[in-house]
Amino acid sequence: MVAGTQVNDLTPSEMHASLARSSALVGDAEGTMHHLDHISQALSGNPALAAQMAEIRELLESEDLGDAAHELKDLVGDAHEHEGHGH
């Protein structure tokens, strides 16, 4: 589903983070925000991830999609760790 991602080990938050990053890379701020909303709902109990998502929202609001995509790449790994799939 998401290029370069091992699908059988993909959590819902990782999937949305990957889709948000893909949306940012193609310039779709609205789509990016949509997927970020899903991540926020799933990971609302983690203050560090909430701060990271707030930073991404600020980047999106300032139309800095390149930096948002970079931060979303980091969020994919962080979401993976948070949801108990650490290696």
PDB file of N, CA and C in Angstrom:
ATOM      1  N   MET A   1       0.820  -1.194   0.000  1.00  0.00           N
ATOM      2  CA  MET A   1       0.000   0.000   0.000  1.00  0.00           C
ATOM      3  C   MET A   1       0.863   1.256   0.000  1.00  0.00           C
ATOM      4  N   VAL A   2       1.791   1.345   0.938  1.00  0.00           N
ATOM      5  CA  VAL A   2       2.660   2.511   1.013  1.00  0.00           C
ATOM      6  C   VAL A   2       4.042   2.070   0.564  1.00  0.00           C
ATOM      7  N   ALA A   3       4.538   2.662  -0.488  1.00  0.00           N
ATOM      8  CA  ALA A   3       5.818   2.261  -1.051  1.00  0.00           C
ATOM      9  C   ALA A   3       6.933   2.340  -0.027  1.00  0.00           C
ATOM     10  N   GLY A   4       7.734   1.282   0.024  1.00  0.00           N
ATOM     11  CA  GLY A   4       8.868   1.270   0.924  1.00  0.00           C
ATOM     12  C   GLY A   4       8.528   0.943   2.352  1.00  0.00           C
ATOM     13  N   THR A   5       7.321   0.487   2.622  1.00  0.00           N
ATOM     14  CA  THR A   5       6.892   0.185   3.982  1.00  0.00           C
ATOM     15  C   THR A   5       6.497  -1.281   4.068  1.00  0.00           C
ATOM     16  N   GLN A   6       6.951  -1.945   5.107  1.00  0.00           N
ATOM     17  CA  GLN A   6       6.587  -3.327   5.338  1.00  0.00           C
ATOM     18  C   GLN A   6       5.149  -3.347   5.843  1.00  0.00           C
ATOM     19  N   VAL A   7       4.218  -3.736   5.006  1.00  0.00           N
ATOM     20  CA  VAL A   7       2.795  -3.604   5.288  1.00  0.00           C
ATOM     21  C   VAL A   7       2.341  -4.498   6.438  1.00  0.00           C
ATOM     22  N   ASN A   8       2.887  -5.707   6.588  1.00  0.00           N
ATOM     23  CA  ASN A   8       2.399  -6.607   7.619  1.00  0.00           C
ATOM     24  C   ASN A   8       2.748  -6.132   9.028  1.00  0.00           C
ATOM     25  N   ASP A   9       3.605  -5.151   9.170  1.00  0.00           N
ATOM     26  CA  ASP A   9       3.995  -4.628  10.474  1.00  0.00           C
ATOM     27  C   ASP A   9       3.567  -3.165  10.618  1.00  0.00           C
ATOM     28  N   LEU A  10       2.655  -2.726   9.779  1.00  0.00           N
ATOM     29  CA  LEU A  10       2.257  -1.325   9.714  1.00  0.00           C
ATOM     30  C   LEU A  10       1.091  -1.057  10.662  1.00  0.00           C
ATOM     31  N   THR A  11       1.283  -0.110  11.593  1.00  0.00           N
ATOM     32  CA  THR A  11       0.198   0.275  12.491  1.00  0.00           C
ATOM     33  C   THR A  11      -0.673   1.316  11.794  1.00  0.00           C
ATOM     34  N   PRO A  12      -1.899   1.518  12.271  1.00  0.00           N
ATOM     35  CA  PRO A  12      -2.753   2.546  11.664  1.00  0.00           C
ATOM     36  C   PRO A  12      -2.103   3.943  11.691  1.00  0.00           C
ATOM     37  N   SER A  13      -1.449   4.283  12.789  1.00  0.00           N
ATOM     38  CA  SER A  13      -0.817   5.601  12.869  1.00  0.00           C
ATOM     39  C   SER A  13       0.339   5.726  11.890  1.00  0.00           C
ATOM     40  N   GLU A  14       1.098   4.639  11.727  1.00  0.00           N
ATOM     41  CA  GLU A  14       2.181   4.658  10.745  1.00  0.00           C
ATOM     42  C   GLU A  14       1.621   4.826   9.335  1.00  0.00           C
ATOM     43  N   MET A  15       0.522   4.129   9.061  1.00  0.00           N
ATOM     44  CA  MET A  15      -0.097   4.234   7.744  1.00  0.00           C
ATOM     45  C   MET A  15      -0.516   5.684   7.482  1.00  0.00           C
ATOM     46  N   HIS A  16      -1.187   6.302   8.463  1.00  0.00           N
ATOM     47  CA  HIS A  16      -1.636   7.684   8.264  1.00  0.00           C
ATOM     48  C   HIS A  16      -0.444   8.648   8.183  1.00  0.00           C
ATOM     49  N   ALA A  17       0.598   8.395   8.956  1.00  0.00           N
ATOM     50  CA  ALA A  17       1.785   9.246   8.878  1.00  0.00           C
ATOM     51  C   ALA A  17       2.435   9.124   7.499  1.00  0.00           C
ATOM     52  N   SER A  18       2.483   7.910   6.967  1.00  0.00           N
ATOM     53  CA  SER A  18       3.048   7.705   5.633  1.00  0.00           C
ATOM     54  C   SER A  18       2.193   8.376   4.565  1.00  0.00           C
ATOM     55  N   LEU A  19       0.866   8.239   4.689  1.00  0.00           N
ATOM     56  CA  LEU A  19      -0.029   8.878   3.734  1.00  0.00           C
ATOM     57  C   LEU A  19       0.025  10.400   3.853  1.00  0.00           C
ATOM     58  N   ALA A  20       0.159  10.904   5.078  1.00  0.00           N
ATOM     59  CA  ALA A  20       0.296  12.349   5.277  1.00  0.00           C
ATOM     60  C   ALA A  20       1.568  12.848   4.610  1.00  0.00           C
ATOM     61  N   ARG A  21       2.661  12.100   4.772  1.00  0.00           N
ATOM     62  CA  ARG A  21       3.929  12.492   4.154  1.00  0.00           C
ATOM     63  C   ARG A  21       3.806  12.489   2.626  1.00  0.00           C
ATOM     64  N   SER A  22       3.174  11.461   2.087  1.00  0.00           N
ATOM     65  CA  SER A  22       2.971  11.401   0.633  1.00  0.00           C
ATOM     66  C   SER A  22       2.149  12.595   0.154  1.00  0.00           C
ATOM     67  N   SER A  23       1.118  12.944   0.916  1.00  0.00           N
ATOM     68  CA  SER A  23       0.291  14.104   0.547  1.00  0.00           C
ATOM     69  C   SER A  23       1.121  15.387   0.568  1.00  0.00           C
ATOM     70  N   ALA A  24       1.957  15.529   1.590  1.00  0.00           N
ATOM     71  CA  ALA A  24       2.805  16.727   1.685  1.00  0.00           C
ATOM     72  C   ALA A  24       3.779  16.792   0.515  1.00  0.00           C
ATOM     73  N   LEU A  25       4.330  15.657   0.134  1.00  0.00           N
ATOM     74  CA  LEU A  25       5.305  15.627  -0.963  1.00  0.00           C
ATOM     75  C   LEU A  25       4.698  16.029  -2.296  1.00  0.00           C
ATOM     76  N   VAL A  26       3.386  15.810  -2.471  1.00  0.00           N
ATOM     77  CA  VAL A  26       2.733  16.208  -3.719  1.00  0.00           C
ATOM     78  C   VAL A  26       2.017  17.550  -3.595  1.00  0.00           C
ATOM     79  N   GLY A  27       2.207  18.226  -2.453  1.00  0.00           N
ATOM     80  CA  GLY A  27       1.647  19.567  -2.291  1.00  0.00           C
ATOM     81  C   GLY A  27       0.206  19.611  -1.833  1.00  0.00           C
ATOM     82  N   ASP A  28      -0.297  18.526  -1.274  1.00  0.00           N
ATOM     83  CA  ASP A  28      -1.682  18.454  -0.829  1.00  0.00           C
ATOM     84  C   ASP A  28      -1.765  18.705   0.681  1.00  0.00           C
ATOM     85  N   ALA A  29      -1.792  19.972   1.070  1.00  0.00           N
ATOM     86  CA  ALA A  29      -1.830  20.333   2.492  1.00  0.00           C
ATOM     87  C   ALA A  29      -3.109  19.837   3.162  1.00  0.00           C
ATOM     88  N   GLU A  30      -4.226  19.900   2.465  1.00  0.00           N
ATOM     89  CA  GLU A  30      -5.503  19.451   3.027  1.00  0.00           C
ATOM     90  C   GLU A  30      -5.473  17.948   3.312  1.00  0.00           C
ATOM     91  N   GLY A  31      -4.964  17.173   2.377  1.00  0.00           N
ATOM     92  CA  GLY A  31      -4.845  15.731   2.579  1.00  0.00           C
ATOM     93  C   GLY A  31      -3.887  15.404   3.713  1.00  0.00           C
ATOM     94  N   THR A  32      -2.805  16.160   3.790  1.00  0.00           N
ATOM     95  CA  THR A  32      -1.843  15.969   4.868  1.00  0.00           C
ATOM     96  C   THR A  32      -2.508  16.206   6.212  1.00  0.00           C
ATOM     97  N   MET A  33      -3.263  17.279   6.312  1.00  0.00           N
ATOM     98  CA  MET A  33      -3.944  17.615   7.561  1.00  0.00           C
ATOM     99  C   MET A  33      -4.978  16.546   7.928  1.00  0.00           C
ATOM    100  N   HIS A  34      -5.667  16.017   6.927  1.00  0.00           N
ATOM    101  CA  HIS A  34      -6.655  14.963   7.166  1.00  0.00           C
ATOM    102  C   HIS A  34      -5.998  13.759   7.848  1.00  0.00           C
ATOM    103  N   HIS A  35      -4.882  13.312   7.310  1.00  0.00           N
ATOM    104  CA  HIS A  35      -4.200  12.152   7.887  1.00  0.00           C
ATOM    105  C   HIS A  35      -3.590  12.488   9.250  1.00  0.00           C
ATOM    106  N   LEU A  36      -3.134  13.711   9.407  1.00  0.00           N
ATOM    107  CA  LEU A  36      -2.592  14.135  10.699  1.00  0.00           C
ATOM    108  C   LEU A  36      -3.683  14.112  11.775  1.00  0.00           C
ATOM    109  N   ASP A  37      -4.908  14.440  11.389  1.00  0.00           N
ATOM    110  CA  ASP A  37      -6.034  14.363  12.332  1.00  0.00           C
ATOM    111  C   ASP A  37      -6.234  12.935  12.831  1.00  0.00           C
ATOM    112  N   HIS A  38      -6.114  11.963  11.935  1.00  0.00           N
ATOM    113  CA  HIS A  38      -6.252  10.560  12.335  1.00  0.00           C
ATOM    114  C   HIS A  38      -5.144  10.162  13.310  1.00  0.00           C
ATOM    115  N   ILE A  39      -3.938  10.619  13.053  1.00  0.00           N
ATOM    116  CA  ILE A  39      -2.816  10.310  13.931  1.00  0.00           C
ATOM    117  C   ILE A  39      -3.054  10.934  15.303  1.00  0.00           C
ATOM    118  N   SER A  40      -3.528  12.165  15.311  1.00  0.00           N
ATOM    119  CA  SER A  40      -3.788  12.864  16.575  1.00  0.00           C
ATOM    120  C   SER A  40      -4.786  12.105  17.437  1.00  0.00           C
ATOM    121  N   GLN A  41      -5.809  11.571  16.819  1.00  0.00           N
ATOM    122  CA  GLN A  41      -6.820  10.810  17.558  1.00  0.00           C
ATOM    123  C   GLN A  41      -6.213   9.542  18.150  1.00  0.00           C
ATOM    124  N   ALA A  42      -5.408   8.858  17.370  1.00  0.00           N
ATOM    125  CA  ALA A  42      -4.855   7.579  17.812  1.00  0.00           C
ATOM    126  C   ALA A  42      -3.769   7.728  18.872  1.00  0.00           C
ATOM    127  N   LEU A  43      -3.004   8.819  18.789  1.00  0.00           N
ATOM    128  CA  LEU A  43      -1.852   8.974  19.669  1.00  0.00           C
ATOM    129  C   LEU A  43      -1.998  10.149  20.627  1.00  0.00           C
ATOM    130  N   SER A  44      -3.223  10.483  20.971  1.00  0.00           N
ATOM    131  CA  SER A  44      -3.469  11.673  21.795  1.00  0.00           C
ATOM    132  C   SER A  44      -2.869  11.585  23.193  1.00  0.00           C
ATOM    133  N   GLY A  45      -2.571  10.394  23.682  1.00  0.00           N
ATOM    134  CA  GLY A  45      -2.050  10.255  25.030  1.00  0.00           C
ATOM    135  C   GLY A  45      -0.554  10.448  25.164  1.00  0.00           C
ATOM    136  N   ASN A  46       0.134  10.777  24.097  1.00  0.00           N
ATOM    137  CA  ASN A  46       1.590  10.916  24.137  1.00  0.00           C
ATOM    138  C   ASN A  46       1.971  12.379  23.928  1.00  0.00           C
ATOM    139  N   PRO A  47       2.418  13.074  24.991  1.00  0.00           N
ATOM    140  CA  PRO A  47       2.737  14.505  24.884  1.00  0.00           C
ATOM    141  C   PRO A  47       3.856  14.818  23.880  1.00  0.00           C
ATOM    142  N   ALA A  48       4.851  13.942  23.776  1.00  0.00           N
ATOM    143  CA  ALA A  48       5.952  14.191  22.840  1.00  0.00           C
ATOM    144  C   ALA A  48       5.454  14.146  21.401  1.00  0.00           C
ATOM    145  N   LEU A  49       4.605  13.162  21.106  1.00  0.00           N
ATOM    146  CA  LEU A  49       4.060  13.074  19.749  1.00  0.00           C
ATOM    147  C   LEU A  49       3.080  14.210  19.484  1.00  0.00           C
ATOM    148  N   ALA A  50       2.351  14.643  20.511  1.00  0.00           N
ATOM    149  CA  ALA A  50       1.427  15.770  20.341  1.00  0.00           C
ATOM    150  C   ALA A  50       2.201  17.029  19.974  1.00  0.00           C
ATOM    151  N   ALA A  51       3.346  17.234  20.623  1.00  0.00           N
ATOM    152  CA  ALA A  51       4.183  18.399  20.301  1.00  0.00           C
ATOM    153  C   ALA A  51       4.726  18.300  18.884  1.00  0.00           C
ATOM    154  N   GLN A  52       5.119  17.105  18.499  1.00  0.00           N
ATOM    155  CA  GLN A  52       5.642  16.882  17.148  1.00  0.00           C
ATOM    156  C   GLN A  52       4.548  17.167  16.102  1.00  0.00           C
ATOM    157  N   MET A  53       3.330  16.714  16.378  1.00  0.00           N
ATOM    158  CA  MET A  53       2.230  16.955  15.447  1.00  0.00           C
ATOM    159  C   MET A  53       1.859  18.436  15.395  1.00  0.00           C
ATOM    160  N   ALA A  54       1.955  19.136  16.519  1.00  0.00           N
ATOM    161  CA  ALA A  54       1.683  20.578  16.533  1.00  0.00           C
ATOM    162  C   ALA A  54       2.697  21.305  15.655  1.00  0.00           C
ATOM    163  N   GLU A  55       3.950  20.880  15.719  1.00  0.00           N
ATOM    164  CA  GLU A  55       4.982  21.485  14.874  1.00  0.00           C
ATOM    165  C   GLU A  55       4.679  21.245  13.393  1.00  0.00           C
ATOM    166  N   ILE A  56       4.237  20.043  13.067  1.00  0.00           N
ATOM    167  CA  ILE A  56       3.898  19.722  11.674  1.00  0.00           C
ATOM    168  C   ILE A  56       2.716  20.576  11.223  1.00  0.00           C
ATOM    169  N   ARG A  57       1.720  20.750  12.085  1.00  0.00           N
ATOM    170  CA  ARG A  57       0.572  21.600  11.741  1.00  0.00           C
ATOM    171  C   ARG A  57       1.015  23.042  11.444  1.00  0.00           C
ATOM    172  N   GLU A  58       1.941  23.540  12.265  1.00  0.00           N
ATOM    173  CA  GLU A  58       2.453  24.897  12.031  1.00  0.00           C
ATOM    174  C   GLU A  58       3.148  24.986  10.679  1.00  0.00           C
ATOM    175  N   LEU A  59       3.918  23.973  10.336  1.00  0.00           N
ATOM    176  CA  LEU A  59       4.594  23.959   9.033  1.00  0.00           C
ATOM    177  C   LEU A  59       3.575  23.940   7.897  1.00  0.00           C
ATOM    178  N   LEU A  60       2.516  23.161   8.066  1.00  0.00           N
ATOM    179  CA  LEU A  60       1.476  23.095   7.038  1.00  0.00           C
ATOM    180  C   LEU A  60       0.761  24.434   6.899  1.00  0.00           C
ATOM    181  N   GLU A  61       0.468  25.064   8.034  1.00  0.00           N
ATOM    182  CA  GLU A  61      -0.221  26.358   7.999  1.00  0.00           C
ATOM    183  C   GLU A  61       0.637  27.437   7.343  1.00  0.00           C
ATOM    184  N   SER A  62       1.962  27.305   7.470  1.00  0.00           N
ATOM    185  CA  SER A  62       2.851  28.271   6.824  1.00  0.00           C
ATOM    186  C   SER A  62       3.247  27.820   5.419  1.00  0.00           C
ATOM    187  N   GLU A  63       2.572  26.758   4.945  1.00  0.00           N
ATOM    188  CA  GLU A  63       2.770  26.216   3.602  1.00  0.00           C
ATOM    189  C   GLU A  63       4.196  25.727   3.359  1.00  0.00           C
ATOM    190  N   ASP A  64       4.853  25.254   4.395  1.00  0.00           N
ATOM    191  CA  ASP A  64       6.191  24.685   4.287  1.00  0.00           C
ATOM    192  C   ASP A  64       6.060  23.164   4.213  1.00  0.00           C
ATOM    193  N   LEU A  65       5.573  22.685   3.072  1.00  0.00           N
ATOM    194  CA  LEU A  65       5.267  21.269   2.917  1.00  0.00           C
ATOM    195  C   LEU A  65       6.522  20.407   2.892  1.00  0.00           C
ATOM    196  N   GLY A  66       7.631  20.931   2.418  1.00  0.00           N
ATOM    197  CA  GLY A  66       8.875  20.166   2.395  1.00  0.00           C
ATOM    198  C   GLY A  66       9.343  19.807   3.786  1.00  0.00           C
ATOM    199  N   ASP A  67       9.363  20.796   4.683  1.00  0.00           N
ATOM    200  CA  ASP A  67       9.765  20.529   6.066  1.00  0.00           C
ATOM    201  C   ASP A  67       8.729  19.662   6.778  1.00  0.00           C
ATOM    202  N   ALA A  68       7.450  19.859   6.451  1.00  0.00           N
ATOM    203  CA  ALA A  68       6.404  19.025   7.044  1.00  0.00           C
ATOM    204  C   ALA A  68       6.617  17.568   6.640  1.00  0.00           C
ATOM    205  N   ALA A  69       6.951  17.331   5.371  1.00  0.00           N
ATOM    206  CA  ALA A  69       7.209  15.966   4.899  1.00  0.00           C
ATOM    207  C   ALA A  69       8.388  15.355   5.643  1.00  0.00           C
ATOM    208  N   HIS A  70       9.416  16.145   5.881  1.00  0.00           N
ATOM    209  CA  HIS A  70      10.584  15.654   6.620  1.00  0.00           C
ATOM    210  C   HIS A  70      10.197  15.270   8.046  1.00  0.00           C
ATOM    211  N   GLU A  71       9.425  16.111   8.708  1.00  0.00           N
ATOM    212  CA  GLU A  71       8.982  15.828  10.074  1.00  0.00           C
ATOM    213  C   GLU A  71       8.049  14.618  10.112  1.00  0.00           C
ATOM    214  N   LEU A  72       7.238  14.462   9.076  1.00  0.00           N
ATOM    215  CA  LEU A  72       6.340  13.312   9.015  1.00  0.00           C
ATOM    216  C   LEU A  72       7.116  12.013   8.855  1.00  0.00           C
ATOM    217  N   LYS A  73       8.237  12.067   8.168  1.00  0.00           N
ATOM    218  CA  LYS A  73       9.089  10.877   8.042  1.00  0.00           C
ATOM    219  C   LYS A  73       9.536  10.431   9.436  1.00  0.00           C
ATOM    220  N   ASP A  74       9.940  11.384  10.265  1.00  0.00           N
ATOM    221  CA  ASP A  74      10.330  11.065  11.639  1.00  0.00           C
ATOM    222  C   ASP A  74       9.140  10.542  12.444  1.00  0.00           C
ATOM    223  N   LEU A  75       7.970  11.120  12.207  1.00  0.00           N
ATOM    224  CA  LEU A  75       6.770  10.725  12.941  1.00  0.00           C
ATOM    225  C   LEU A  75       6.394   9.273  12.662  1.00  0.00           C
ATOM    226  N   VAL A  76       6.649   8.781  11.460  1.00  0.00           N
ATOM    227  CA  VAL A  76       6.341   7.386  11.132  1.00  0.00           C
ATOM    228  C   VAL A  76       7.062   6.457  12.105  1.00  0.00           C
ATOM    229  N   GLY A  77       8.360   6.681  12.291  1.00  0.00           N
ATOM    230  CA  GLY A  77       9.132   5.853  13.212  1.00  0.00           C
ATOM    231  C   GLY A  77       8.697   6.025  14.652  1.00  0.00           C
ATOM    232  N   ASP A  78       8.405   7.261  15.034  1.00  0.00           N
ATOM    233  CA  ASP A  78       7.983   7.527  16.409  1.00  0.00           C
ATOM    234  C   ASP A  78       6.633   6.873  16.702  1.00  0.00           C
ATOM    235  N   ALA A  79       5.732   6.895  15.730  1.00  0.00           N
ATOM    236  CA  ALA A  79       4.427   6.258  15.902  1.00  0.00           C
ATOM    237  C   ALA A  79       4.613   4.750  16.057  1.00  0.00           C
ATOM    238  N   HIS A  80       5.536   4.199  15.303  1.00  0.00           N
ATOM    239  CA  HIS A  80       5.816   2.767  15.378  1.00  0.00           C
ATOM    240  C   HIS A  80       6.283   2.399  16.789  1.00  0.00           C
ATOM    241  N   GLU A  81       7.193   3.179  17.327  1.00  0.00           N
ATOM    242  CA  GLU A  81       7.705   2.925  18.673  1.00  0.00           C
ATOM    243  C   GLU A  81       6.600   3.074  19.722  1.00  0.00           C
ATOM    244  N   HIS A  82       5.776   4.104  19.577  1.00  0.00           N
ATOM    245  CA  HIS A  82       4.713   4.372  20.554  1.00  0.00           C
ATOM    246  C   HIS A  82       3.686   3.251  20.606  1.00  0.00           C
ATOM    247  N   GLU A  83       3.391   2.663  19.472  1.00  0.00           N
ATOM    248  CA  GLU A  83       2.342   1.646  19.426  1.00  0.00           C
ATOM    249  C   GLU A  83       2.879   0.244  19.743  1.00  0.00           C
ATOM    250  N   GLY A  84       4.083   0.190  20.343  1.00  0.00           N
ATOM    251  CA  GLY A  84       4.571  -1.059  20.885  1.00  0.00           C
ATOM    252  C   GLY A  84       5.225  -2.008  19.915  1.00  0.00           C
ATOM    253  N   HIS A  85       5.727  -1.491  18.816  1.00  0.00           N
ATOM    254  CA  HIS A  85       6.380  -2.347  17.840  1.00  0.00           C
ATOM    255  C   HIS A  85       7.873  -2.075  17.746  1.00  0.00           C
ATOM    256  N   GLY A  86       8.478  -1.605  18.812  1.00  0.00           N
ATOM    257  CA  GLY A  86       9.901  -1.276  18.791  1.00  0.00           C
ATOM    258  C   GLY A  86      10.756  -2.490  18.506  1.00  0.00           C
ATOM    259  N   HIS A  87      11.880  -2.254  17.820  1.00  0.00           N
ATOM    260  CA  HIS A  87      12.781  -3.365  17.479  1.00  0.00           C
ATOM    261  C   HIS A  87      14.060  -3.253  18.252  1.00  0.00           C
TER     262      HIS A  87
END
